[in-house]
Amino acid sequence: MHERILRIGLFLLGLPALVLGVWASAAPRSFYDDFPGAGMAWVAPDGPFNEHLVRDVGALNLALAIVTFAAMFALGVTLVRAVLAAWLVEGTLHLVYHWGHLAPFDDADQIAIVGSLVLVPVLAVALAFVAGLPAQPRGHRALDRAGLPR
């Protein structure tokens, strides 16, 4: 594995999840009204406020951030695979939902929404490629540059 690239990529997946998770968990109404910030609102136009659902989004983002950071530090093959698969599923389903619900937004927001959401599954696939996924056959031990088992 290209450890540095994987660590940076996992950090880029985990940090936004941490920020969104804290925001949605600690201030659900603000998240609903103000996400993503800078005067834009991408949650409120999609339906009425539901504190339970916003807090659930926050909790799930925090949980995903935790396992992503664990994978970033450990770089265990199984953990990295599982985290990237989770991000691919989350990112793809999130993108598919929003792709079908762009009508309330102006053209600039539509482009920004789709552009930002497509980054997650693309990054997950790119990192999977960097990690060599699907990886070595079961029971195969990684070798260092000298050909010695690690």
C-alpha atoms as a PDB file:
ATOM      1  CA  MET A   1       0.000   0.000   0.000  1.00  0.00           C
ATOM      2  CA  HIS A   2       1.074   3.520  -0.575  1.00  0.00           C
ATOM      3  CA  GLU A   3       0.716   4.460   3.054  1.00  0.00           C
ATOM      4  CA  ARG A   4       1.055   8.225   2.731  1.00  0.00           C
ATOM      5  CA  ILE A   5      -1.548   8.484  -0.035  1.00  0.00           C
ATOM      6  CA  LEU A   6      -3.933   6.245   1.897  1.00  0.00           C
ATOM      7  CA  ARG A   7      -3.500   8.234   5.092  1.00  0.00           C
ATOM      8  CA  ILE A   8      -4.101  11.543   3.322  1.00  0.00           C
ATOM      9  CA  GLY A   9      -7.124  10.161   1.478  1.00  0.00           C
ATOM     10  CA  LEU A  10      -8.634   8.662   4.607  1.00  0.00           C
ATOM     11  CA  PHE A  11      -8.062  11.957   6.399  1.00  0.00           C
ATOM     12  CA  LEU A  12      -9.892  13.756   3.563  1.00  0.00           C
ATOM     13  CA  LEU A  13     -12.832  11.388   4.014  1.00  0.00           C
ATOM     14  CA  GLY A  14     -12.828  11.480   7.810  1.00  0.00           C
ATOM     15  CA  LEU A  15     -12.396  15.186   8.523  1.00  0.00           C
ATOM     16  CA  PRO A  16     -15.602  16.401   6.814  1.00  0.00           C
ATOM     17  CA  ALA A  17     -17.514  13.576   8.488  1.00  0.00           C
ATOM     18  CA  LEU A  18     -16.157  14.694  11.855  1.00  0.00           C
ATOM     19  CA  VAL A  19     -17.081  18.341  11.241  1.00  0.00           C
ATOM     20  CA  LEU A  20     -20.558  17.500   9.909  1.00  0.00           C
ATOM     21  CA  GLY A  21     -21.098  14.979  12.675  1.00  0.00           C
ATOM     22  CA  VAL A  22     -20.271  17.453  15.422  1.00  0.00           C
ATOM     23  CA  TRP A  23     -22.346  20.193  13.789  1.00  0.00           C
ATOM     24  CA  ALA A  24     -25.444  18.055  13.191  1.00  0.00           C
ATOM     25  CA  SER A  25     -25.228  16.426  16.626  1.00  0.00           C
ATOM     26  CA  ALA A  26     -24.543  19.560  18.650  1.00  0.00           C
ATOM     27  CA  ALA A  27     -26.676  22.069  16.734  1.00  0.00           C
ATOM     28  CA  PRO A  28     -29.218  20.210  14.603  1.00  0.00           C
ATOM     29  CA  ARG A  29     -31.331  23.271  13.834  1.00  0.00           C
ATOM     30  CA  SER A  30     -28.300  25.237  12.690  1.00  0.00           C
ATOM     31  CA  PHE A  31     -27.185  22.325  10.525  1.00  0.00           C
ATOM     32  CA  TYR A  32     -30.660  22.103   8.976  1.00  0.00           C
ATOM     33  CA  ASP A  33     -30.905  25.852   8.340  1.00  0.00           C
ATOM     34  CA  ASP A  34     -27.307  26.670   7.430  1.00  0.00           C
ATOM     35  CA  PHE A  35     -25.531  23.670   5.877  1.00  0.00           C
ATOM     36  CA  PRO A  36     -23.105  23.962   4.075  1.00  0.00           C
ATOM     37  CA  GLY A  37     -22.532  27.530   5.273  1.00  0.00           C
ATOM     38  CA  ALA A  38     -21.392  30.656   3.425  1.00  0.00           C
ATOM     39  CA  GLY A  39     -24.997  31.798   3.019  1.00  0.00           C
ATOM     40  CA  MET A  40     -26.134  28.577   1.325  1.00  0.00           C
ATOM     41  CA  ALA A  41     -28.792  26.182   2.611  1.00  0.00           C
ATOM     42  CA  TRP A  42     -28.887  22.672   1.159  1.00  0.00           C
ATOM     43  CA  VAL A  43     -30.871  20.762   3.801  1.00  0.00           C
ATOM     44  CA  ALA A  44     -33.856  23.004   4.564  1.00  0.00           C
ATOM     45  CA  PRO A  45     -35.225  23.091   0.973  1.00  0.00           C
ATOM     46  CA  ASP A  46     -35.578  19.292   1.025  1.00  0.00           C
ATOM     47  CA  GLY A  47     -38.292  19.028   3.675  1.00  0.00           C
ATOM     48  CA  PRO A  48     -39.403  20.005   7.152  1.00  0.00           C
ATOM     49  CA  PHE A  49     -36.996  20.043  10.085  1.00  0.00           C
ATOM     50  CA  ASN A  50     -36.769  16.764  11.985  1.00  0.00           C
ATOM     51  CA  GLU A  51     -34.366  16.955  14.920  1.00  0.00           C
ATOM     52  CA  HIS A  52     -34.242  13.174  15.281  1.00  0.00           C
ATOM     53  CA  LEU A  53     -33.121  12.647  11.686  1.00  0.00           C
ATOM     54  CA  VAL A  54     -30.568  15.468  11.764  1.00  0.00           C
ATOM     55  CA  ARG A  55     -29.070  14.118  14.999  1.00  0.00           C
ATOM     56  CA  ASP A  56     -28.980  10.623  13.449  1.00  0.00           C
ATOM     57  CA  VAL A  57     -27.057  12.040  10.477  1.00  0.00           C
ATOM     58  CA  GLY A  58     -24.653  13.632  12.934  1.00  0.00           C
ATOM     59  CA  ALA A  59     -24.185  10.440  14.932  1.00  0.00           C
ATOM     60  CA  LEU A  60     -23.613   8.346  11.827  1.00  0.00           C
ATOM     61  CA  ASN A  61     -21.080  10.839  10.472  1.00  0.00           C
ATOM     62  CA  LEU A  62     -19.235  10.771  13.793  1.00  0.00           C
ATOM     63  CA  ALA A  63     -19.204   6.966  13.766  1.00  0.00           C
ATOM     64  CA  LEU A  64     -17.907   6.879  10.200  1.00  0.00           C
ATOM     65  CA  ALA A  65     -15.242   9.455  11.095  1.00  0.00           C
ATOM     66  CA  ILE A  66     -14.055   7.293  14.002  1.00  0.00           C
ATOM     67  CA  VAL A  67     -13.583   4.151  11.920  1.00  0.00           C
ATOM     68  CA  THR A  68     -12.036   6.187   9.102  1.00  0.00           C
ATOM     69  CA  PHE A  69      -9.448   7.678  11.455  1.00  0.00           C
ATOM     70  CA  ALA A  70      -8.830   4.230  12.956  1.00  0.00           C
ATOM     71  CA  ALA A  71      -8.133   2.918   9.444  1.00  0.00           C
ATOM     72  CA  MET A  72      -5.919   5.927   8.751  1.00  0.00           C
ATOM     73  CA  PHE A  73      -3.718   5.152  11.762  1.00  0.00           C
ATOM     74  CA  ALA A  74      -3.769   1.356  11.610  1.00  0.00           C
ATOM     75  CA  LEU A  75      -3.740   0.870   7.822  1.00  0.00           C
ATOM     76  CA  GLY A  76      -4.846  -2.725   8.341  1.00  0.00           C
ATOM     77  CA  VAL A  77      -5.939  -4.187   5.021  1.00  0.00           C
ATOM     78  CA  THR A  78      -9.297  -5.465   6.273  1.00  0.00           C
ATOM     79  CA  LEU A  79     -10.128  -2.243   8.098  1.00  0.00           C
ATOM     80  CA  VAL A  80      -9.124  -0.053   5.147  1.00  0.00           C
ATOM     81  CA  ARG A  81     -11.219  -2.213   2.795  1.00  0.00           C
ATOM     82  CA  ALA A  82     -14.235  -2.037   5.090  1.00  0.00           C
ATOM     83  CA  VAL A  83     -13.972   1.739   5.543  1.00  0.00           C
ATOM     84  CA  LEU A  84     -13.588   2.362   1.816  1.00  0.00           C
ATOM     85  CA  ALA A  85     -16.536   0.079   1.068  1.00  0.00           C
ATOM     86  CA  ALA A  86     -18.623   1.973   3.638  1.00  0.00           C
ATOM     87  CA  TRP A  87     -17.677   5.317   2.079  1.00  0.00           C
ATOM     88  CA  LEU A  88     -18.443   4.002  -1.399  1.00  0.00           C
ATOM     89  CA  VAL A  89     -21.900   2.850  -0.305  1.00  0.00           C
ATOM     90  CA  GLU A  90     -22.651   6.031   1.662  1.00  0.00           C
ATOM     91  CA  GLY A  91     -21.284   8.329  -1.009  1.00  0.00           C
ATOM     92  CA  THR A  92     -23.024   6.619  -3.906  1.00  0.00           C
ATOM     93  CA  LEU A  93     -26.422   6.397  -2.211  1.00  0.00           C
ATOM     94  CA  HIS A  94     -26.142   9.981  -0.972  1.00  0.00           C
ATOM     95  CA  LEU A  95     -25.294  11.170  -4.502  1.00  0.00           C
ATOM     96  CA  VAL A  96     -28.135   9.166  -6.067  1.00  0.00           C
ATOM     97  CA  TYR A  97     -30.671  10.640  -3.639  1.00  0.00           C
ATOM     98  CA  HIS A  98     -29.606  14.224  -4.193  1.00  0.00           C
ATOM     99  CA  TRP A  99     -29.282  13.772  -7.963  1.00  0.00           C
ATOM    100  CA  GLY A 100     -33.024  13.075  -7.973  1.00  0.00           C
ATOM    101  CA  HIS A 101     -33.887  16.008  -5.691  1.00  0.00           C
ATOM    102  CA  LEU A 102     -32.151  19.011  -7.247  1.00  0.00           C
ATOM    103  CA  ALA A 103     -35.290  20.922  -8.296  1.00  0.00           C
ATOM    104  CA  PRO A 104     -35.416  23.297  -5.273  1.00  0.00           C
ATOM    105  CA  PHE A 105     -31.912  24.606  -6.005  1.00  0.00           C
ATOM    106  CA  ASP A 106     -30.567  27.109  -8.514  1.00  0.00           C
ATOM    107  CA  ASP A 107     -28.051  25.992 -11.145  1.00  0.00           C
ATOM    108  CA  ALA A 108     -24.983  27.013  -9.140  1.00  0.00           C
ATOM    109  CA  ASP A 109     -26.148  25.084  -6.067  1.00  0.00           C
ATOM    110  CA  GLN A 110     -27.046  22.056  -8.205  1.00  0.00           C
ATOM    111  CA  ILE A 111     -23.531  21.976  -9.624  1.00  0.00           C
ATOM    112  CA  ALA A 112     -21.971  22.478  -6.178  1.00  0.00           C
ATOM    113  CA  ILE A 113     -24.154  19.780  -4.589  1.00  0.00           C
ATOM    114  CA  VAL A 114     -23.445  17.155  -7.235  1.00  0.00           C
ATOM    115  CA  GLY A 115     -19.789  18.152  -7.478  1.00  0.00           C
ATOM    116  CA  SER A 116     -19.234  17.863  -3.745  1.00  0.00           C
ATOM    117  CA  LEU A 117     -21.142  14.603  -3.441  1.00  0.00           C
ATOM    118  CA  VAL A 118     -19.366  12.880  -6.313  1.00  0.00           C
ATOM    119  CA  LEU A 119     -16.018  13.418  -4.558  1.00  0.00           C
ATOM    120  CA  VAL A 120     -16.713  10.808  -1.858  1.00  0.00           C
ATOM    121  CA  PRO A 121     -17.298   7.730  -4.048  1.00  0.00           C
ATOM    122  CA  VAL A 122     -14.562   8.832  -6.481  1.00  0.00           C
ATOM    123  CA  LEU A 123     -12.067   9.210  -3.625  1.00  0.00           C
ATOM    124  CA  ALA A 124     -13.124   5.866  -2.129  1.00  0.00           C
ATOM    125  CA  VAL A 125     -12.586   4.086  -5.457  1.00  0.00           C
ATOM    126  CA  ALA A 126      -9.269   5.870  -6.048  1.00  0.00           C
ATOM    127  CA  LEU A 127      -8.039   4.901  -2.591  1.00  0.00           C
ATOM    128  CA  ALA A 128      -9.157   1.315  -3.156  1.00  0.00           C
ATOM    129  CA  PHE A 129      -7.081   1.325  -6.322  1.00  0.00           C
ATOM    130  CA  VAL A 130      -4.074   2.749  -4.467  1.00  0.00           C
ATOM    131  CA  ALA A 131      -4.494   0.130  -1.766  1.00  0.00           C
ATOM    132  CA  GLY A 132      -4.500  -2.603  -4.406  1.00  0.00           C
ATOM    133  CA  LEU A 133      -8.090  -3.671  -3.789  1.00  0.00           C
ATOM    134  CA  PRO A 134      -9.182  -6.317  -4.276  1.00  0.00           C
ATOM    135  CA  ALA A 135      -6.056  -7.186  -2.392  1.00  0.00           C
ATOM    136  CA  GLN A 136      -3.808 -10.162  -2.154  1.00  0.00           C
ATOM    137  CA  PRO A 137      -5.272 -13.639  -1.882  1.00  0.00           C
ATOM    138  CA  ARG A 138      -6.307 -14.747   1.574  1.00  0.00           C
ATOM    139  CA  GLY A 139      -3.384 -15.834   3.686  1.00  0.00           C
ATOM    140  CA  HIS A 140      -0.851 -13.906   1.588  1.00  0.00           C
ATOM    141  CA  ARG A 141       1.560 -11.911   3.682  1.00  0.00           C
ATOM    142  CA  ALA A 142       2.704  -8.481   2.625  1.00  0.00           C
ATOM    143  CA  LEU A 143       6.349  -8.201   1.613  1.00  0.00           C
ATOM    144  CA  ASP A 144       8.623  -5.235   2.118  1.00  0.00           C
ATOM    145  CA  ARG A 145      10.794  -3.871  -0.714  1.00  0.00           C
ATOM    146  CA  ALA A 146      13.500  -6.439  -0.025  1.00  0.00           C
ATOM    147  CA  GLY A 147      10.986  -9.265  -0.413  1.00  0.00           C
ATOM    148  CA  LEU A 148      10.913 -10.046   3.300  1.00  0.00           C
ATOM    149  CA  PRO A 149       7.613 -10.727   5.112  1.00  0.00           C
ATOM    150  CA  ARG A 150       6.334  -7.882   7.277  1.00  0.00           C
END
